[in-house]
Amino acid sequence: MKRLSLLFAALLLAAPVFAQSTMQQKLEARFAAADADHDGKLTPAEAQTGMPRLYAHFDEIDTAHKGYVTLAEIEQYLVQHQQ
């Protein structure tokens, strides 16, 4: 019984890490699919087509107004706006 309790506690502690890893993988996959020219950047048109929810916040993410966003910039935005 004690072993089962320890295993359950370990699983509870690992769950947020696993969920974060899964979310990261999903974000990376969606970014790669939306990046039509595979240059590591999403233009507004690519975002609108492949990641419409991201497109709704494109200008907030593209703070330097470069006309594109990178995966790192998206991740930074998500961390800053996590609730």
N, C-alpha and C. Protein backbone atom coordinates (compact mmCIF):
# COMPACT_ATOMS: atom_id res chain seq x y z
N MET A 1 0.83 -1.19 0.00
CA MET A 1 0.00 0.00 0.00
C MET A 1 0.88 1.26 0.00
N LYS A 2 1.97 1.21 0.78
CA LYS A 2 2.86 2.36 0.85
C LYS A 2 3.49 2.62 -0.52
N ARG A 3 3.87 1.53 -1.22
CA ARG A 3 4.45 1.67 -2.55
C ARG A 3 3.47 2.31 -3.51
N LEU A 4 2.22 1.91 -3.44
CA LEU A 4 1.18 2.45 -4.30
C LEU A 4 0.99 3.94 -4.02
N SER A 5 1.02 4.32 -2.77
CA SER A 5 0.88 5.72 -2.40
C SER A 5 2.05 6.55 -2.93
N LEU A 6 3.26 6.01 -2.84
CA LEU A 6 4.44 6.71 -3.36
C LEU A 6 4.37 6.85 -4.88
N LEU A 7 3.93 5.79 -5.55
CA LEU A 7 3.79 5.84 -7.00
C LEU A 7 2.76 6.88 -7.41
N PHE A 8 1.64 6.89 -6.72
CA PHE A 8 0.59 7.87 -7.01
C PHE A 8 1.09 9.29 -6.79
N ALA A 9 1.81 9.53 -5.73
CA ALA A 9 2.37 10.85 -5.44
C ALA A 9 3.36 11.26 -6.53
N ALA A 10 4.19 10.34 -6.97
CA ALA A 10 5.15 10.63 -8.04
C ALA A 10 4.44 10.99 -9.33
N LEU A 11 3.37 10.27 -9.64
CA LEU A 11 2.60 10.56 -10.84
C LEU A 11 1.95 11.94 -10.77
N LEU A 12 1.45 12.29 -9.61
CA LEU A 12 0.84 13.61 -9.44
C LEU A 12 1.86 14.73 -9.64
N LEU A 13 3.06 14.51 -9.13
CA LEU A 13 4.11 15.51 -9.29
C LEU A 13 4.59 15.60 -10.73
N ALA A 14 4.58 14.50 -11.45
CA ALA A 14 5.08 14.48 -12.82
C ALA A 14 4.03 14.96 -13.82
N ALA A 15 2.78 14.95 -13.47
CA ALA A 15 1.71 15.29 -14.40
C ALA A 15 1.88 16.68 -15.02
N PRO A 16 2.17 17.74 -14.25
CA PRO A 16 2.34 19.04 -14.88
C PRO A 16 3.50 19.08 -15.88
N VAL A 17 4.58 18.39 -15.59
CA VAL A 17 5.73 18.35 -16.50
C VAL A 17 5.33 17.63 -17.77
N PHE A 18 4.63 16.53 -17.65
CA PHE A 18 4.19 15.78 -18.82
C PHE A 18 3.22 16.61 -19.65
N ALA A 19 2.28 17.28 -18.99
CA ALA A 19 1.32 18.11 -19.71
C ALA A 19 2.02 19.25 -20.44
N GLN A 20 3.00 19.86 -19.80
CA GLN A 20 3.74 20.95 -20.42
C GLN A 20 4.52 20.44 -21.62
N SER A 21 5.13 19.27 -21.48
CA SER A 21 5.88 18.68 -22.58
C SER A 21 4.96 18.37 -23.76
N THR A 22 3.79 17.84 -23.48
CA THR A 22 2.83 17.53 -24.53
C THR A 22 2.35 18.81 -25.20
N MET A 23 2.09 19.84 -24.43
CA MET A 23 1.67 21.12 -25.00
C MET A 23 2.78 21.71 -25.87
N GLN A 24 4.02 21.59 -25.43
CA GLN A 24 5.16 22.07 -26.19
C GLN A 24 5.25 21.35 -27.53
N GLN A 25 5.08 20.05 -27.49
CA GLN A 25 5.13 19.25 -28.72
C GLN A 25 4.01 19.64 -29.68
N LYS A 26 2.83 19.87 -29.14
CA LYS A 26 1.70 20.28 -29.98
C LYS A 26 1.96 21.64 -30.61
N LEU A 27 2.49 22.58 -29.82
CA LEU A 27 2.80 23.91 -30.33
C LEU A 27 3.84 23.82 -31.44
N GLU A 28 4.88 23.04 -31.22
CA GLU A 28 5.93 22.88 -32.23
C GLU A 28 5.37 22.27 -33.52
N ALA A 29 4.50 21.28 -33.38
CA ALA A 29 3.91 20.63 -34.55
C ALA A 29 3.00 21.59 -35.31
N ARG A 30 2.20 22.35 -34.59
CA ARG A 30 1.30 23.31 -35.25
C ARG A 30 2.09 24.41 -35.93
N PHE A 31 3.17 24.88 -35.27
CA PHE A 31 4.03 25.91 -35.86
C PHE A 31 4.64 25.38 -37.15
N ALA A 32 5.19 24.17 -37.10
CA ALA A 32 5.83 23.58 -38.28
C ALA A 32 4.84 23.42 -39.43
N ALA A 33 3.63 23.01 -39.11
CA ALA A 33 2.61 22.84 -40.15
C ALA A 33 2.19 24.18 -40.74
N ALA A 34 2.13 25.22 -39.92
CA ALA A 34 1.72 26.54 -40.39
C ALA A 34 2.83 27.26 -41.17
N ASP A 35 4.07 26.91 -40.89
CA ASP A 35 5.23 27.54 -41.53
C ASP A 35 5.38 26.99 -42.95
N ALA A 36 4.59 27.51 -43.87
CA ALA A 36 4.49 26.97 -45.22
C ALA A 36 5.81 26.94 -45.97
N ASP A 37 6.65 27.96 -45.78
CA ASP A 37 7.92 28.00 -46.51
C ASP A 37 9.08 27.44 -45.69
N HIS A 38 8.79 26.94 -44.50
CA HIS A 38 9.76 26.27 -43.63
C HIS A 38 11.00 27.12 -43.35
N ASP A 39 10.77 28.41 -43.11
CA ASP A 39 11.90 29.31 -42.81
C ASP A 39 12.04 29.59 -41.32
N GLY A 40 11.21 28.94 -40.49
CA GLY A 40 11.28 29.14 -39.05
C GLY A 40 10.58 30.39 -38.56
N LYS A 41 9.79 30.99 -39.44
CA LYS A 41 9.05 32.22 -39.10
C LYS A 41 7.63 32.09 -39.61
N LEU A 42 6.70 32.70 -38.88
CA LEU A 42 5.32 32.76 -39.35
C LEU A 42 4.99 34.20 -39.73
N THR A 43 4.55 34.38 -40.95
CA THR A 43 4.05 35.67 -41.39
C THR A 43 2.59 35.77 -40.96
N PRO A 44 2.01 36.95 -41.04
CA PRO A 44 0.58 37.05 -40.71
C PRO A 44 -0.27 36.10 -41.56
N ALA A 45 0.04 35.98 -42.84
CA ALA A 45 -0.74 35.10 -43.71
C ALA A 45 -0.62 33.64 -43.28
N GLU A 46 0.59 33.20 -42.94
CA GLU A 46 0.79 31.83 -42.48
C GLU A 46 0.05 31.60 -41.17
N ALA A 47 0.13 32.57 -40.27
CA ALA A 47 -0.55 32.45 -38.98
C ALA A 47 -2.06 32.41 -39.17
N GLN A 48 -2.57 33.25 -40.05
CA GLN A 48 -4.01 33.31 -40.28
C GLN A 48 -4.52 31.97 -40.81
N THR A 49 -3.76 31.36 -41.69
CA THR A 49 -4.16 30.09 -42.28
C THR A 49 -3.95 28.92 -41.33
N GLY A 50 -2.78 28.87 -40.69
CA GLY A 50 -2.42 27.69 -39.91
C GLY A 50 -2.64 27.77 -38.42
N MET A 51 -2.66 29.00 -37.87
CA MET A 51 -2.83 29.16 -36.43
C MET A 51 -3.69 30.41 -36.18
N PRO A 52 -4.98 30.31 -36.49
CA PRO A 52 -5.84 31.49 -36.42
C PRO A 52 -5.94 32.14 -35.03
N ARG A 53 -5.85 31.36 -33.98
CA ARG A 53 -5.88 31.96 -32.63
C ARG A 53 -4.63 32.78 -32.38
N LEU A 54 -3.50 32.30 -32.88
CA LEU A 54 -2.26 33.06 -32.77
C LEU A 54 -2.37 34.33 -33.61
N TYR A 55 -2.95 34.21 -34.78
CA TYR A 55 -3.11 35.36 -35.67
C TYR A 55 -3.86 36.49 -34.97
N ALA A 56 -4.83 36.14 -34.15
CA ALA A 56 -5.61 37.16 -33.43
C ALA A 56 -4.73 37.99 -32.50
N HIS A 57 -3.57 37.46 -32.10
CA HIS A 57 -2.65 38.16 -31.20
C HIS A 57 -1.31 38.47 -31.87
N PHE A 58 -1.28 38.38 -33.18
CA PHE A 58 -0.02 38.50 -33.92
C PHE A 58 0.73 39.79 -33.58
N ASP A 59 0.03 40.91 -33.60
CA ASP A 59 0.70 42.20 -33.32
C ASP A 59 1.22 42.29 -31.90
N GLU A 60 0.56 41.62 -30.97
CA GLU A 60 1.04 41.60 -29.59
C GLU A 60 2.34 40.78 -29.47
N ILE A 61 2.44 39.73 -30.28
CA ILE A 61 3.62 38.86 -30.24
C ILE A 61 4.78 39.50 -31.00
N ASP A 62 4.46 40.09 -32.15
CA ASP A 62 5.49 40.74 -32.99
C ASP A 62 5.74 42.15 -32.48
N THR A 63 6.34 42.24 -31.32
CA THR A 63 6.54 43.54 -30.67
C THR A 63 7.53 44.43 -31.42
N ALA A 64 8.42 43.83 -32.20
CA ALA A 64 9.39 44.62 -32.98
C ALA A 64 8.84 44.99 -34.35
N HIS A 65 7.63 44.54 -34.65
CA HIS A 65 6.96 44.85 -35.92
C HIS A 65 7.81 44.45 -37.13
N LYS A 66 8.32 43.21 -37.08
CA LYS A 66 9.16 42.68 -38.15
C LYS A 66 8.32 42.10 -39.28
N GLY A 67 7.07 41.78 -38.99
CA GLY A 67 6.22 41.15 -39.99
C GLY A 67 6.24 39.64 -39.92
N TYR A 68 6.85 39.10 -38.87
CA TYR A 68 6.86 37.66 -38.66
C TYR A 68 7.09 37.39 -37.18
N VAL A 69 6.76 36.17 -36.76
CA VAL A 69 7.04 35.74 -35.39
C VAL A 69 7.74 34.38 -35.45
N THR A 70 8.56 34.13 -34.46
CA THR A 70 9.26 32.85 -34.35
C THR A 70 8.61 32.02 -33.25
N LEU A 71 8.96 30.76 -33.23
CA LEU A 71 8.45 29.87 -32.18
C LEU A 71 8.87 30.38 -30.81
N ALA A 72 10.10 30.84 -30.68
CA ALA A 72 10.58 31.36 -29.40
C ALA A 72 9.76 32.56 -28.94
N GLU A 73 9.40 33.44 -29.87
CA GLU A 73 8.59 34.61 -29.51
C GLU A 73 7.19 34.20 -29.07
N ILE A 74 6.64 33.19 -29.72
CA ILE A 74 5.32 32.69 -29.35
C ILE A 74 5.39 32.09 -27.95
N GLU A 75 6.41 31.28 -27.70
CA GLU A 75 6.58 30.67 -26.37
C GLU A 75 6.73 31.74 -25.30
N GLN A 76 7.50 32.77 -25.59
CA GLN A 76 7.69 33.87 -24.62
C GLN A 76 6.36 34.56 -24.35
N TYR A 77 5.59 34.80 -25.37
CA TYR A 77 4.28 35.44 -25.22
C TYR A 77 3.37 34.57 -24.34
N LEU A 78 3.38 33.27 -24.61
CA LEU A 78 2.52 32.36 -23.84
C LEU A 78 2.93 32.33 -22.37
N VAL A 79 4.21 32.33 -22.08
CA VAL A 79 4.68 32.34 -20.70
C VAL A 79 4.24 33.64 -20.01
N GLN A 80 4.39 34.75 -20.70
CA GLN A 80 4.04 36.05 -20.12
C GLN A 80 2.53 36.18 -19.89
N HIS A 81 1.73 35.47 -20.67
CA HIS A 81 0.27 35.60 -20.57
C HIS A 81 -0.40 34.36 -19.98
N GLN A 82 0.38 33.54 -19.32
CA GLN A 82 -0.15 32.35 -18.66
C GLN A 82 -1.00 32.77 -17.46
N GLN A 83 -2.08 32.05 -17.24
CA GLN A 83 -2.93 32.40 -16.11
C GLN A 83 -3.12 31.27 -15.18
